[in-house]
Each structure stands twice: as structure tokens, then as C-alpha cells.
PDB file of N, CA and C in Angstrom:
ATOM      1  N   MET A   1       0.993  -1.085  -0.076  1.00  0.00           N
ATOM      2  CA  MET A   1      -0.013  -0.031  -0.124  1.00  0.00           C
ATOM      3  C   MET A   1       0.810   0.978  -0.075  1.00  0.00           C
ATOM      4  N   GLY A   2       0.295   2.051  -0.926  1.00  0.00           N
ATOM      5  CA  GLY A   2       0.859   3.722  -0.659  1.00  0.00           C
ATOM      6  C   GLY A   2       0.244   4.455  -0.612  1.00  0.00           C
ATOM      7  N   ILE A   3       1.296   5.923  -0.565  1.00  0.00           N
ATOM      8  CA  ILE A   3       0.385   7.246  -1.253  1.00  0.00           C
ATOM      9  C   ILE A   3       0.644   7.591  -2.524  1.00  0.00           C
ATOM     10  N   VAL A   4      -0.758   7.761  -2.724  1.00  0.00           N
ATOM     11  CA  VAL A   4      -0.646   8.681  -4.359  1.00  0.00           C
ATOM     12  C   VAL A   4      -1.069  10.083  -4.145  1.00  0.00           C
ATOM     13  N   ASN A   5      -0.461  11.028  -4.553  1.00  0.00           N
ATOM     14  CA  ASN A   5      -0.673  11.877  -5.050  1.00  0.00           C
ATOM     15  C   ASN A   5      -1.470  12.843  -6.299  1.00  0.00           C
ATOM     16  N   ILE A   6      -2.614  13.826  -5.525  1.00  0.00           N
ATOM     17  CA  ILE A   6      -3.475  13.686  -6.658  1.00  0.00           C
ATOM     18  C   ILE A   6      -3.547  14.906  -6.477  1.00  0.00           C
ATOM     19  N   ASP A   7      -3.854  16.155  -7.464  1.00  0.00           N
ATOM     20  CA  ASP A   7      -4.357  17.524  -7.881  1.00  0.00           C
ATOM     21  C   ASP A   7      -5.485  17.856  -6.777  1.00  0.00           C
ATOM     22  N   ASP A   8      -5.615  18.781  -6.469  1.00  0.00           N
ATOM     23  CA  ASP A   8      -7.134  19.495  -4.965  1.00  0.00           C
ATOM     24  C   ASP A   8      -8.250  18.987  -6.550  1.00  0.00           C
ATOM     25  N   ASP A   9      -7.743  19.880  -7.457  1.00  0.00           N
ATOM     26  CA  ASP A   9      -9.363  19.390  -8.185  1.00  0.00           C
ATOM     27  C   ASP A   9      -9.602  17.796  -7.877  1.00  0.00           C
ATOM     28  N   LEU A  10      -9.000  17.268  -8.583  1.00  0.00           N
ATOM     29  CA  LEU A  10      -9.105  15.906  -8.277  1.00  0.00           C
ATOM     30  C   LEU A  10      -9.744  14.862  -7.292  1.00  0.00           C
ATOM     31  N   HIS A  11      -8.938  15.486  -6.255  1.00  0.00           N
ATOM     32  CA  HIS A  11      -9.875  15.125  -4.568  1.00  0.00           C
ATOM     33  C   HIS A  11     -10.930  15.626  -4.586  1.00  0.00           C
ATOM     34  N   ASP A  12     -11.242  17.373  -4.816  1.00  0.00           N
ATOM     35  CA  ASP A  12     -12.535  17.372  -4.841  1.00  0.00           C
ATOM     36  C   ASP A  12     -13.918  16.667  -5.413  1.00  0.00           C
ATOM     37  N   GLN A  13     -13.193  16.298  -6.594  1.00  0.00           N
ATOM     38  CA  GLN A  13     -14.202  15.929  -7.699  1.00  0.00           C
ATOM     39  C   GLN A  13     -14.251  14.189  -7.154  1.00  0.00           C
ATOM     40  N   LEU A  14     -12.991  13.593  -6.414  1.00  0.00           N
ATOM     41  CA  LEU A  14     -13.576  12.172  -5.529  1.00  0.00           C
ATOM     42  C   LEU A  14     -14.017  12.495  -4.465  1.00  0.00           C
ATOM     43  N   ARG A  15     -14.292  13.625  -3.265  1.00  0.00           N
ATOM     44  CA  ARG A  15     -15.297  13.722  -2.599  1.00  0.00           C
ATOM     45  C   ARG A  15     -16.749  13.866  -3.358  1.00  0.00           C
ATOM     46  N   LYS A  16     -16.747  14.849  -3.936  1.00  0.00           N
ATOM     47  CA  LYS A  16     -18.293  14.620  -4.543  1.00  0.00           C
ATOM     48  C   LYS A  16     -18.840  12.943  -4.801  1.00  0.00           C
ATOM     49  N   ALA A  17     -18.047  12.737  -6.127  1.00  0.00           N
ATOM     50  CA  ALA A  17     -18.633  11.409  -6.094  1.00  0.00           C
ATOM     51  C   ALA A  17     -18.216  10.624  -5.689  1.00  0.00           C
ATOM     52  N   CYS A  18     -17.888  10.711  -3.877  1.00  0.00           N
ATOM     53  CA  CYS A  18     -17.545   9.298  -3.254  1.00  0.00           C
ATOM     54  C   CYS A  18     -19.534   9.241  -2.664  1.00  0.00           C
ATOM     55  N   LYS A  19     -20.055  10.733  -2.456  1.00  0.00           N
ATOM     56  CA  LYS A  19     -21.069  11.289  -1.800  1.00  0.00           C
ATOM     57  C   LYS A  19     -22.400  10.583  -2.535  1.00  0.00           C
ATOM     58  N   ALA A  20     -21.984  10.595  -3.708  1.00  0.00           N
ATOM     59  CA  ALA A  20     -23.250  10.136  -4.683  1.00  0.00           C
ATOM     60  C   ALA A  20     -22.830   8.521  -4.744  1.00  0.00           C
ATOM     61  N   SER A  21     -21.718   7.900  -4.677  1.00  0.00           N
ATOM     62  CA  SER A  21     -21.950   6.597  -4.941  1.00  0.00           C
ATOM     63  C   SER A  21     -21.961   5.453  -3.238  1.00  0.00           C
ATOM     64  N   GLY A  22     -21.697   6.249  -2.554  1.00  0.00           N
ATOM     65  CA  GLY A  22     -21.922   5.950  -0.530  1.00  0.00           C
ATOM     66  C   GLY A  22     -20.567   5.180  -1.133  1.00  0.00           C
ATOM     67  N   ARG A  23     -19.525   5.330  -1.060  1.00  0.00           N
ATOM     68  CA  ARG A  23     -18.228   4.420  -1.239  1.00  0.00           C
ATOM     69  C   ARG A  23     -17.448   5.686  -0.329  1.00  0.00           C
ATOM     70  N   SER A  24     -16.299   5.131   0.306  1.00  0.00           N
ATOM     71  CA  SER A  24     -15.482   6.268   0.761  1.00  0.00           C
ATOM     72  C   SER A  24     -14.137   6.610  -0.517  1.00  0.00           C
ATOM     73  N   ILE A  25     -13.728   7.732  -0.116  1.00  0.00           N
ATOM     74  CA  ILE A  25     -12.679   8.803  -0.700  1.00  0.00           C
ATOM     75  C   ILE A  25     -11.972   7.594  -1.727  1.00  0.00           C
ATOM     76  N   ASN A  26     -11.514   6.799  -0.126  1.00  0.00           N
ATOM     77  CA  ASN A  26     -10.353   5.918  -0.619  1.00  0.00           C
ATOM     78  C   ASN A  26     -11.038   4.943  -1.738  1.00  0.00           C
ATOM     79  N   ALA A  27     -12.345   4.190  -1.090  1.00  0.00           N
ATOM     80  CA  ALA A  27     -13.221   3.133  -2.340  1.00  0.00           C
ATOM     81  C   ALA A  27     -13.376   3.955  -3.696  1.00  0.00           C
ATOM     82  N   GLN A  28     -13.606   5.314  -3.580  1.00  0.00           N
ATOM     83  CA  GLN A  28     -14.115   6.060  -5.020  1.00  0.00           C
ATOM     84  C   GLN A  28     -12.614   5.912  -5.609  1.00  0.00           C
ATOM     85  N   ALA A  29     -11.716   6.473  -4.898  1.00  0.00           N
ATOM     86  CA  ALA A  29     -10.340   6.150  -6.330  1.00  0.00           C
ATOM     87  C   ALA A  29      -9.595   4.843  -6.329  1.00  0.00           C
ATOM     88  N   ALA A  30     -10.311   3.828  -5.782  1.00  0.00           N
ATOM     89  CA  ALA A  30      -9.852   2.487  -6.204  1.00  0.00           C
ATOM     90  C   ALA A  30     -10.420   1.958  -6.883  1.00  0.00           C
ATOM     91  N   PHE A  31     -11.572   2.120  -7.065  1.00  0.00           N
ATOM     92  CA  PHE A  31     -12.767   2.332  -8.527  1.00  0.00           C
ATOM     93  C   PHE A  31     -12.213   3.161  -9.447  1.00  0.00           C
ATOM     94  N   TRP A  32     -12.335   4.141  -9.375  1.00  0.00           N
ATOM     95  CA  TRP A  32     -11.994   4.303 -10.975  1.00  0.00           C
ATOM     96  C   TRP A  32     -10.711   3.951 -11.197  1.00  0.00           C
ATOM     97  N   ILE A  33      -9.538   3.551 -10.526  1.00  0.00           N
ATOM     98  CA  ILE A  33      -8.172   2.959 -10.867  1.00  0.00           C
ATOM     99  C   ILE A  33      -8.327   1.949 -11.471  1.00  0.00           C
ATOM    100  N   ARG A  34      -9.027   0.829 -10.737  1.00  0.00           N
ATOM    101  CA  ARG A  34      -9.513  -0.076 -11.248  1.00  0.00           C
ATOM    102  C   ARG A  34     -10.065  -0.339 -12.385  1.00  0.00           C
ATOM    103  N   ILE A  35     -11.730   0.661 -13.043  1.00  0.00           N
ATOM    104  CA  ILE A  35     -12.346   0.589 -14.298  1.00  0.00           C
ATOM    105  C   ILE A  35     -11.686   1.244 -15.150  1.00  0.00           C
ATOM    106  N   GLY A  36     -10.757   1.879 -14.773  1.00  0.00           N
ATOM    107  CA  GLY A  36      -9.967   2.871 -16.071  1.00  0.00           C
ATOM    108  C   GLY A  36      -8.384   1.921 -16.542  1.00  0.00           C
ATOM    109  N   MET A  37      -8.122   1.252 -15.779  1.00  0.00           N
ATOM    110  CA  MET A  37      -7.058   0.141 -15.924  1.00  0.00           C
ATOM    111  C   MET A  37      -7.553  -0.778 -17.214  1.00  0.00           C
ATOM    112  N   LEU A  38      -9.028  -1.208 -16.479  1.00  0.00           N
ATOM    113  CA  LEU A  38      -9.590  -2.276 -17.264  1.00  0.00           C
ATOM    114  C   LEU A  38     -10.386  -1.731 -18.934  1.00  0.00           C
ATOM    115  N   CYS A  39     -10.770  -0.291 -18.744  1.00  0.00           N
ATOM    116  CA  CYS A  39     -11.051   0.067 -19.921  1.00  0.00           C
ATOM    117  C   CYS A  39     -10.202   0.408 -21.337  1.00  0.00           C
ATOM    118  N   GLU A  40      -8.954   0.249 -20.261  1.00  0.00           N
ATOM    119  CA  GLU A  40      -7.551   0.342 -20.944  1.00  0.00           C
ATOM    120  C   GLU A  40      -7.372  -0.757 -21.414  1.00  0.00           C
ATOM    121  N   LEU A  41      -7.650  -1.888 -20.679  1.00  0.00           N
ATOM    122  CA  LEU A  41      -7.108  -3.043 -20.987  1.00  0.00           C
ATOM    123  C   LEU A  41      -7.842  -3.747 -22.596  1.00  0.00           C
ATOM    124  N   GLU A  42      -9.201  -3.186 -22.062  1.00  0.00           N
ATOM    125  CA  GLU A  42     -10.068  -3.926 -23.108  1.00  0.00           C
ATOM    126  C   GLU A  42     -10.981  -2.411 -23.989  1.00  0.00           C
ATOM    127  N   PRO A  43     -10.221  -1.549 -24.588  1.00  0.00           N
ATOM    128  CA  PRO A  43     -10.800  -0.721 -25.487  1.00  0.00           C
ATOM    129  C   PRO A  43     -12.121  -0.692 -26.437  1.00  0.00           C
ATOM    130  N   GLY A  44     -11.888  -2.128 -26.559  1.00  0.00           N
ATOM    131  CA  GLY A  44     -13.151  -2.477 -27.832  1.00  0.00           C
ATOM    132  C   GLY A  44     -15.186  -2.177 -26.843  1.00  0.00           C
ATOM    133  N   LEU A  45     -14.817  -2.628 -25.451  1.00  0.00           N
ATOM    134  CA  LEU A  45     -16.049  -2.188 -24.493  1.00  0.00           C
ATOM    135  C   LEU A  45     -16.248  -0.668 -23.530  1.00  0.00           C
ATOM    136  N   THR A  46     -17.324  -0.582 -23.397  1.00  0.00           N
ATOM    137  CA  THR A  46     -17.868   0.455 -23.017  1.00  0.00           C
ATOM    138  C   THR A  46     -17.452   0.470 -21.565  1.00  0.00           C
ATOM    139  N   PHE A  47     -17.258   1.707 -20.815  1.00  0.00           N
ATOM    140  CA  PHE A  47     -17.342   2.135 -19.345  1.00  0.00           C
ATOM    141  C   PHE A  47     -18.159   1.446 -18.392  1.00  0.00           C
ATOM    142  N   TYR A  48     -19.708   1.329 -19.562  1.00  0.00           N
ATOM    143  CA  TYR A  48     -20.894   0.011 -18.503  1.00  0.00           C
ATOM    144  C   TYR A  48     -20.548  -1.116 -18.706  1.00  0.00           C
ATOM    145  N   GLU A  49     -20.291  -1.749 -19.993  1.00  0.00           N
ATOM    146  CA  GLU A  49     -19.610  -3.062 -19.860  1.00  0.00           C
ATOM    147  C   GLU A  49     -18.892  -3.430 -19.375  1.00  0.00           C
ATOM    148  N   VAL A  50     -17.902  -2.963 -19.093  1.00  0.00           N
ATOM    149  CA  VAL A  50     -16.431  -3.479 -17.926  1.00  0.00           C
ATOM    150  C   VAL A  50     -17.414  -3.130 -16.671  1.00  0.00           C
ATOM    151  N   ALA A  51     -17.934  -2.096 -16.479  1.00  0.00           N
ATOM    152  CA  ALA A  51     -18.925  -2.240 -15.110  1.00  0.00           C
ATOM    153  C   ALA A  51     -19.696  -3.254 -14.774  1.00  0.00           C
ATOM    154  N   SER A  52     -20.178  -3.100 -15.410  1.00  0.00           N
ATOM    155  CA  SER A  52     -21.377  -4.845 -15.557  1.00  0.00           C
ATOM    156  C   SER A  52     -20.611  -5.933 -15.418  1.00  0.00           C
ATOM    157  N   ARG A  53     -19.640  -6.242 -16.298  1.00  0.00           N
ATOM    158  CA  ARG A  53     -18.936  -7.498 -15.996  1.00  0.00           C
ATOM    159  C   ARG A  53     -18.545  -7.782 -14.455  1.00  0.00           C
ATOM    160  N   GLU A  54     -17.372  -6.005 -14.199  1.00  0.00           N
ATOM    161  CA  GLU A  54     -16.855  -7.150 -13.100  1.00  0.00           C
ATOM    162  C   GLU A  54     -18.268  -6.856 -11.535  1.00  0.00           C
ATOM    163  N   LEU A  55     -19.286  -5.610 -11.797  1.00  0.00           N
ATOM    164  CA  LEU A  55     -20.560  -6.775 -10.804  1.00  0.00           C
ATOM    165  C   LEU A  55     -20.966  -7.761 -10.921  1.00  0.00           C
ATOM    166  N   ARG A  56     -21.053  -8.562 -12.406  1.00  0.00           N
ATOM    167  CA  ARG A  56     -21.425  -9.675 -12.399  1.00  0.00           C
ATOM    168  C   ARG A  56     -20.228 -10.507 -11.789  1.00  0.00           C
ATOM    169  N   GLU A  57     -19.173 -11.034 -12.074  1.00  0.00           N
ATOM    170  CA  GLU A  57     -18.015 -11.062 -11.445  1.00  0.00           C
ATOM    171  C   GLU A  57     -17.885 -11.188  -9.868  1.00  0.00           C
ATOM    172  N   ALA A  58     -17.998 -10.296  -9.320  1.00  0.00           N
ATOM    173  CA  ALA A  58     -18.634  -9.612  -8.155  1.00  0.00           C
ATOM    174  C   ALA A  58     -19.584 -10.774  -7.386  1.00  0.00           C
ATOM    175  N   VAL A  59     -20.740 -10.647  -7.790  1.00  0.00           N
ATOM    176  CA  VAL A  59     -22.094 -11.683  -7.086  1.00  0.00           C
ATOM    177  C   VAL A  59     -21.895 -13.415  -7.302  1.00  0.00           C
ATOM    178  N   ARG A  60     -21.070 -13.187  -8.722  1.00  0.00           N
ATOM    179  CA  ARG A  60     -20.247 -14.976  -8.461  1.00  0.00           C
ATOM    180  C   ARG A  60     -19.305 -15.332  -7.794  1.00  0.00           C
ATOM    181  N   ALA A  61     -19.172 -14.867  -7.602  1.00  0.00           N
ATOM    182  CA  ALA A  61     -17.869 -14.835  -6.124  1.00  0.00           C
ATOM    183  C   ALA A  61     -18.409 -14.939  -4.839  1.00  0.00           C
ATOM    184  N   ASP A  62     -19.520 -14.237  -4.588  1.00  0.00           N
ATOM    185  CA  ASP A  62     -19.947 -13.924  -3.259  1.00  0.00           C
ATOM    186  C   ASP A  62     -20.854 -14.879  -3.461  1.00  0.00           C
ATOM    187  N   GLU A  63     -21.024 -15.747  -4.329  1.00  0.00           N
ATOM    188  CA  GLU A  63     -21.931 -17.379  -4.369  1.00  0.00           C
ATOM    189  C   GLU A  63     -21.250 -18.582  -4.422  1.00  0.00           C
ATOM    190  N   VAL A  64     -20.394 -18.286  -4.821  1.00  0.00           N
ATOM    191  CA  VAL A  64     -19.534 -19.473  -4.865  1.00  0.00           C
ATOM    192  C   VAL A  64     -18.880 -19.564  -3.224  1.00  0.00           C
ATOM    193  N   ARG A  65     -18.458 -18.392  -2.809  1.00  0.00           N
ATOM    194  CA  ARG A  65     -17.812 -18.262  -1.436  1.00  0.00           C
ATOM    195  C   ARG A  65     -18.785 -18.661  -0.514  1.00  0.00           C
ATOM    196  N   ALA A  66     -20.567 -18.500  -0.624  1.00  0.00           N
ATOM    197  CA  ALA A  66     -21.765 -18.435   0.211  1.00  0.00           C
ATOM    198  C   ALA A  66     -22.359 -20.496  -0.064  1.00  0.00           C
ATOM    199  N   GLY A  67     -21.438 -21.212  -1.290  1.00  0.00           N
ATOM    200  CA  GLY A  67     -21.997 -22.248  -1.650  1.00  0.00           C
ATOM    201  C   GLY A  67     -22.957 -22.478  -2.349  1.00  0.00           C
ATOM    202  N   THR A  68     -23.476 -21.487  -3.192  1.00  0.00           N
ATOM    203  CA  THR A  68     -24.596 -21.488  -3.811  1.00  0.00           C
ATOM    204  C   THR A  68     -24.801 -21.428  -5.151  1.00  0.00           C
TER     205      THR A  68
END
């Protein structure tokens, strides 16, 4: 784990976005970083396709852990 320096404007955007999404500032930053990375890895997919795929995979992983 490390510290990431971001400019004040981006931090303000994170603060606003985390209120709308119900995430902490750190969780919102991690979400943006992960989705951005995945969008770069899969340039043919839209943001919504990438986010939907991640959500489906998270739900499946929870179901596997729960044994359903």
C-alpha cells in the first residue's frame, strides 16, 4: 500500500463522487483506478460493459463463497 498524490481539483471530484456513490474517498479512487485500468485493457468495451462485467463477477464470487 502506498500514498498517491493527486491535485486538489481531482480530490474535490473524488469527494463529490463518493457522496453520490456511497463509497469512501479511498474506495472511490480505487474504483476509478480499477475501471480505468480495465477500460485501457479492453478498449473495445464501454465503461458500462466493463462495470457490468465486474459486478457480475463479484456477484458470482460471492455465490461461490456462499456455496450457492
